[in-house]
């Protein structure tokens, strides 16, 4: 569970750029806010990893922002 700027808890959603195989946390970086229509969307990080057989990179901007919270 994550906390937004207002201090409210929310469940993040994830998206994958299929060309680069990069996993983003929606709205955590300029690339995924909004995510392009051709990107694949997932409710959990685990479901994205299963779909892409664990062969994903993490977006450095998204994970830096996530870890700062």
C-alpha atoms as a PDB file:
ATOM      1  CA  UNK A   1       0.000   0.000   0.000  1.00  0.00           C
ATOM      2  CA  UNK A   2       1.262   3.473  -0.857  1.00  0.00           C
ATOM      3  CA  UNK A   3       0.492   6.964   0.425  1.00  0.00           C
ATOM      4  CA  UNK A   4      -0.334   9.837  -1.921  1.00  0.00           C
ATOM      5  CA  UNK A   5       0.565  13.518  -1.454  1.00  0.00           C
ATOM      6  CA  UNK A   6      -2.600  14.041   0.636  1.00  0.00           C
ATOM      7  CA  UNK A   7      -1.588  11.266   3.036  1.00  0.00           C
ATOM      8  CA  UNK A   8      -4.268   8.887   1.750  1.00  0.00           C
ATOM      9  CA  UNK A   9      -3.470   5.193   1.312  1.00  0.00           C
ATOM     10  CA  UNK A  10      -3.972   3.655  -2.122  1.00  0.00           C
ATOM     11  CA  UNK A  11      -3.068   0.553  -4.081  1.00  0.00           C
ATOM     12  CA  UNK A  12      -0.820   1.450  -7.006  1.00  0.00           C
ATOM     13  CA  UNK A  13      -1.316   0.023 -10.465  1.00  0.00           C
ATOM     14  CA  UNK A  14       1.501  -0.873 -12.788  1.00  0.00           C
ATOM     15  CA  UNK A  15       2.170  -0.638 -16.503  1.00  0.00           C
ATOM     16  CA  UNK A  16       4.809  -2.123 -18.768  1.00  0.00           C
ATOM     17  CA  UNK A  17       6.310  -0.601 -21.863  1.00  0.00           C
ATOM     18  CA  UNK A  18       6.478  -3.727 -24.046  1.00  0.00           C
ATOM     19  CA  UNK A  19       9.215  -2.292 -26.301  1.00  0.00           C
ATOM     20  CA  UNK A  20      11.656  -1.695 -23.436  1.00  0.00           C
ATOM     21  CA  UNK A  21      10.171  -4.219 -20.980  1.00  0.00           C
ATOM     22  CA  UNK A  22      10.226  -1.524 -18.292  1.00  0.00           C
ATOM     23  CA  UNK A  23       7.819  -1.724 -15.360  1.00  0.00           C
ATOM     24  CA  UNK A  24       6.342   1.592 -14.219  1.00  0.00           C
ATOM     25  CA  UNK A  25       4.158   2.509 -11.264  1.00  0.00           C
ATOM     26  CA  UNK A  26       1.318   4.521 -12.761  1.00  0.00           C
ATOM     27  CA  UNK A  27       1.499   8.276 -12.085  1.00  0.00           C
ATOM     28  CA  UNK A  28       4.936   8.032 -10.426  1.00  0.00           C
ATOM     29  CA  UNK A  29       6.817   9.400 -13.448  1.00  0.00           C
ATOM     30  CA  UNK A  30       6.123  11.525 -16.511  1.00  0.00           C
ATOM     31  CA  UNK A  31       6.242   8.462 -18.800  1.00  0.00           C
ATOM     32  CA  UNK A  32       3.386   6.660 -17.072  1.00  0.00           C
ATOM     33  CA  UNK A  33       1.129   9.611 -16.352  1.00  0.00           C
ATOM     34  CA  UNK A  34      -0.908   8.858 -18.399  1.00  0.00           C
ATOM     35  CA  UNK A  35       0.426   5.588 -19.748  1.00  0.00           C
ATOM     36  CA  UNK A  36       0.226   5.191 -23.538  1.00  0.00           C
ATOM     37  CA  UNK A  37      -2.575   2.928 -24.785  1.00  0.00           C
ATOM     38  CA  UNK A  38      -0.136   0.354 -26.208  1.00  0.00           C
ATOM     39  CA  UNK A  39       1.372  -0.293 -22.767  1.00  0.00           C
ATOM     40  CA  UNK A  40       0.125  -3.275 -20.771  1.00  0.00           C
ATOM     41  CA  UNK A  41      -1.579  -2.485 -17.457  1.00  0.00           C
ATOM     42  CA  UNK A  42      -1.529  -4.652 -14.319  1.00  0.00           C
ATOM     43  CA  UNK A  43      -3.065  -4.424 -10.869  1.00  0.00           C
ATOM     44  CA  UNK A  44       0.015  -5.854  -9.144  1.00  0.00           C
ATOM     45  CA  UNK A  45       3.750  -5.971  -9.682  1.00  0.00           C
ATOM     46  CA  UNK A  46       3.583  -9.759  -9.352  1.00  0.00           C
ATOM     47  CA  UNK A  47       1.071 -10.130 -12.190  1.00  0.00           C
ATOM     48  CA  UNK A  48       3.322  -8.079 -14.469  1.00  0.00           C
ATOM     49  CA  UNK A  49       6.303 -10.270 -13.588  1.00  0.00           C
ATOM     50  CA  UNK A  50       4.304 -13.426 -14.291  1.00  0.00           C
ATOM     51  CA  UNK A  51       3.113 -12.125 -17.671  1.00  0.00           C
ATOM     52  CA  UNK A  52       6.643 -11.117 -18.697  1.00  0.00           C
ATOM     53  CA  UNK A  53       8.260 -14.167 -17.067  1.00  0.00           C
ATOM     54  CA  UNK A  54      10.244 -12.007 -14.656  1.00  0.00           C
ATOM     55  CA  UNK A  55      12.157 -10.369 -17.507  1.00  0.00           C
ATOM     56  CA  UNK A  56      11.405  -6.746 -16.573  1.00  0.00           C
ATOM     57  CA  UNK A  57      13.449  -3.704 -15.666  1.00  0.00           C
ATOM     58  CA  UNK A  58      12.170  -1.238 -13.091  1.00  0.00           C
ATOM     59  CA  UNK A  59      11.767   2.394 -14.045  1.00  0.00           C
ATOM     60  CA  UNK A  60      14.419   4.214 -12.009  1.00  0.00           C
ATOM     61  CA  UNK A  61      12.215   7.292 -11.567  1.00  0.00           C
ATOM     62  CA  UNK A  62       9.220   5.294 -10.311  1.00  0.00           C
ATOM     63  CA  UNK A  63      11.203   3.181  -7.857  1.00  0.00           C
ATOM     64  CA  UNK A  64      13.136   6.181  -6.536  1.00  0.00           C
ATOM     65  CA  UNK A  65       9.843   7.963  -5.848  1.00  0.00           C
ATOM     66  CA  UNK A  66       8.315   4.809  -4.314  1.00  0.00           C
ATOM     67  CA  UNK A  67      11.287   4.295  -1.998  1.00  0.00           C
ATOM     68  CA  UNK A  68      11.199   7.937  -0.892  1.00  0.00           C
ATOM     69  CA  UNK A  69       7.655   7.530   0.478  1.00  0.00           C
END
